[in-house]
Protein backbone atom coordinates (compact mmCIF):
# COMPACT_ATOMS: atom_id res chain seq x y z
CA MET A 1 34.34 -10.91 19.99
CA ILE A 2 33.90 -7.28 21.03
CA LYS A 3 30.62 -5.57 21.85
CA ILE A 4 30.34 -1.82 21.37
CA THR A 5 27.43 0.46 22.23
CA VAL A 6 26.89 3.46 19.98
CA GLU A 7 24.70 6.58 20.01
CA ASN A 8 24.01 6.77 16.24
CA PRO A 9 23.41 3.22 14.98
CA ASN A 10 21.99 4.42 11.65
CA ARG A 11 25.30 6.09 10.70
CA ILE A 12 27.08 2.78 11.29
CA LYS A 13 24.46 0.64 9.54
CA GLN A 14 24.96 2.71 6.37
CA SER A 15 28.66 1.83 6.23
CA LEU A 16 28.63 -1.79 7.49
CA LYS A 17 29.39 -3.36 4.09
CA LEU A 18 32.33 -1.03 3.48
CA ILE A 19 33.81 -1.68 6.92
CA GLU A 20 33.36 -5.46 6.73
CA SER A 21 34.98 -5.65 3.30
CA LYS A 22 37.95 -3.40 4.13
CA ILE A 23 38.74 -4.67 7.64
CA LYS A 24 37.79 -8.36 7.20
CA VAL A 25 35.46 -8.63 10.20
CA LYS A 26 31.85 -9.65 10.67
CA ILE A 27 29.62 -7.07 12.35
CA SER A 28 26.17 -7.94 13.70
CA HIS A 29 23.67 -5.89 15.63
CA ASN A 30 21.07 -7.59 17.77
CA ASN A 31 20.01 -4.59 19.76
CA LYS A 32 19.37 -1.13 18.30
CA SER A 33 22.62 0.36 19.52
CA VAL A 34 24.82 -2.66 20.36
CA PHE A 35 27.15 -4.02 17.68
CA GLU A 36 29.18 -7.25 17.90
CA ILE A 37 32.48 -7.48 16.06
CA LYS A 38 33.95 -10.88 15.15
CA GLY A 39 37.37 -11.39 13.60
CA ASN A 40 40.98 -11.67 14.68
CA GLU A 41 41.99 -9.52 17.66
CA LEU A 42 43.82 -6.80 15.72
CA ASP A 43 40.99 -6.42 13.19
CA GLU A 44 38.45 -6.30 16.02
CA PHE A 45 40.41 -3.50 17.71
CA ILE A 46 40.71 -1.52 14.46
CA CYS A 47 37.02 -2.04 13.73
CA GLU A 48 36.08 -0.84 17.23
CA GLU A 49 38.07 2.37 16.66
CA VAL A 50 36.45 2.82 13.23
CA LEU A 51 32.95 2.36 14.68
CA ARG A 52 33.67 4.84 17.49
CA ALA A 53 34.90 7.36 14.92
CA ILE A 54 31.86 6.93 12.66
CA ASP A 55 29.56 7.17 15.67
CA PHE A 56 31.26 10.45 16.62
CA GLY A 57 30.67 11.94 13.16
CA PHE A 58 33.62 11.04 10.93
CA ASN A 59 33.10 9.96 7.33
CA ALA A 60 33.35 6.14 6.98
CA GLU A 61 36.03 6.34 4.28
CA ASP A 62 38.14 8.71 6.40
CA THR A 63 38.00 6.34 9.37
CA LEU A 64 39.58 3.58 7.31
CA MET A 65 42.87 5.46 7.67
CA LEU A 66 42.90 3.90 11.15
CA LYS A 67 43.85 0.61 9.47
CA ASN A 68 47.32 2.10 9.11
CA GLU A 69 49.15 1.60 12.41
CA ASP A 70 50.65 5.12 12.22
CA PHE A 71 47.20 6.76 12.49
CA SER A 72 45.19 7.06 15.68
CA LEU A 73 41.88 8.38 16.93
CA GLN A 74 42.05 10.98 19.69
CA PHE A 75 39.35 12.96 21.48
CA VAL A 76 39.76 16.33 23.20
CA ASN A 77 37.10 17.55 25.62
CA ILE A 78 36.71 21.32 25.26
CA LYS A 79 35.47 21.75 28.84
CA SER A 80 38.74 20.31 30.18
CA TYR A 81 40.74 23.28 28.87
CA THR A 82 38.54 26.29 29.57
CA LYS A 83 36.49 27.81 32.34
CA LYS A 84 34.37 29.85 29.95
CA SER A 85 30.67 29.08 29.90
CA ASN A 86 30.13 30.22 26.30
CA LEU A 87 31.28 27.05 24.56
CA GLN A 88 29.57 28.09 21.33
CA LEU A 89 32.12 30.90 20.99
CA ILE A 90 34.99 28.45 21.53
CA ARG A 91 33.57 26.06 18.92
CA ALA A 92 33.31 29.01 16.53
CA ARG A 93 36.97 29.89 17.16
CA LEU A 94 37.97 26.28 16.46
CA ILE A 95 36.08 26.22 13.18
CA GLY A 96 36.94 29.77 12.11
CA ARG A 97 35.26 32.00 9.59
CA GLU A 98 33.87 29.82 6.80
CA GLY A 99 35.74 26.85 8.31
CA ARG A 100 39.16 28.30 7.54
CA ALA A 101 40.80 27.71 10.94
CA LYS A 102 39.86 24.03 11.03
CA ALA A 103 40.81 23.60 7.37
CA THR A 104 44.20 25.24 7.93
CA ILE A 105 45.01 22.94 10.84
CA GLU A 106 43.96 19.94 8.75
CA GLU A 107 46.07 21.11 5.82
CA LEU A 108 49.18 21.78 7.92
CA THR A 109 49.04 18.43 9.72
CA GLY A 110 47.13 16.02 7.50
CA ALA A 111 44.60 15.54 10.30
CA ILE A 112 40.87 15.05 10.00
CA ILE A 113 39.00 17.00 12.66
CA VAL A 114 35.35 16.73 13.66
CA ILE A 115 33.78 18.96 16.29
CA HIS A 116 30.66 17.55 17.93
CA LYS A 117 29.00 19.18 20.93
CA ASN A 118 31.82 19.81 23.42
CA LYS A 119 34.29 17.29 22.03
CA ILE A 120 36.80 17.34 19.22
CA GLY A 121 37.65 14.14 17.38
CA ILE A 122 40.98 13.86 15.58
CA ILE A 123 42.32 11.24 13.20
CA VAL A 124 45.99 11.93 12.54
CA ASP A 125 49.33 10.19 12.14
CA SER A 126 51.55 9.79 15.19
CA ASN A 127 54.11 12.38 13.96
CA HIS A 128 51.53 15.18 14.13
CA LEU A 129 49.30 13.98 17.00
CA ASP A 130 50.89 16.02 19.79
CA ALA A 131 51.12 19.15 17.64
CA VAL A 132 47.45 18.97 16.59
CA VAL A 133 46.22 18.41 20.14
CA GLN A 134 48.40 21.26 21.42
CA ALA A 135 47.19 23.58 18.63
CA LEU A 136 43.55 22.85 19.45
CA ILE A 137 44.17 23.43 23.15
CA LEU A 138 45.87 26.75 22.37
CA ILE A 139 42.86 27.91 20.34
CA ILE A 140 40.47 26.78 23.09
CA GLN A 141 42.48 28.79 25.60
CA GLY A 142 42.32 31.92 23.44
CA SER A 143 45.61 32.05 21.51
CA LYS A 144 45.64 33.95 18.24
CA HIS A 145 45.07 31.79 15.19
CA ALA A 146 48.20 33.15 13.47
CA ASN A 147 50.35 32.11 16.43
CA VAL A 148 48.87 28.61 16.40
CA PHE A 149 49.45 28.23 12.66
CA ALA A 150 53.05 29.43 13.09
CA TYR A 151 53.50 26.82 15.84
CA LEU A 152 52.23 24.08 13.50
CA GLU A 153 54.52 25.22 10.70
CA LYS A 154 57.47 25.14 13.09
CA GLN A 155 56.53 21.62 14.19
CA ASN A 156 56.39 20.56 10.53
CA ARG A 157 59.91 21.93 9.97
CA LEU A 158 61.16 20.11 13.07
CA ASN A 159 59.57 16.84 11.90
CA ARG A 160 61.17 17.22 8.46
CA ASN A 161 64.61 17.90 9.96
CA ILE A 162 64.38 14.79 12.13
CA ASP A 163 63.40 12.70 9.11
CA GLU A 164 66.17 14.15 6.95
CA ASP A 165 68.86 13.76 9.59
CA ASP A 166 67.80 10.14 10.14
CA LEU A 167 68.20 10.67 13.89
CA GLY A 168 71.97 10.77 13.44
CA LEU A 169 72.32 7.00 13.43
CA ARG A 170 73.99 6.73 10.05
CA ILE A 171 77.67 7.36 9.59
CA LYS A 172 78.13 10.20 7.14
CA VAL A 173 81.12 9.92 4.83
CA LYS A 174 82.64 13.16 3.63
CA LYS A 175 83.89 13.30 0.06
CA GLU A 176 87.24 15.01 -0.36
C-alpha cells in the first residue's frame, strides 16, 4: 500500500474510476489530500506516477501512457536553469505564440508537456526523453526556437538511424 499526498484532490477524484479500471488498483481517500493505493507493487508504482501527473495538471487519459514501460514522467524546474527573475517571459518563450513552440516540441517528439508555475512536466518515451529535456533547457536559457527545433529534428534522424541499423548486431549478407 502506498500513500500519496496531492495538492489538487478534486482533479484526482474526477478520474478515480478511470484509473482504477485501467490500472487494476483500489484507490481510497480518507483525508482531503491523502490517497491510498492498493494493488500489486508494479501497479501501485504506476498508479502513483499517474496520480502525480494528474495532480500536476496532465489529462487523466494522457497519463495512462505511463502504463507502458517505455514512457516516463519527468519534471524540469525552470529556476534551476536560469538566473532571470522574469519567469513569466520564460514561460511565454516555452509556450510560444499561440502555443506553437510547445506544440512543435510535442509534435517532433511525441511528448506531452504541461507548464505549471515554475515547473515543466513531461510525459515521453525513453527514446526522446533526453532530447526533450535538453530542448526545454535550451529554450529556458534563451536559444532561438528554430535552433532548438533543428536540434530535435536531428535527434529524430539519429534515433531512426539507430533503429534501422539495428545497432550493428545482425550479420548482413551481401547478394552477388
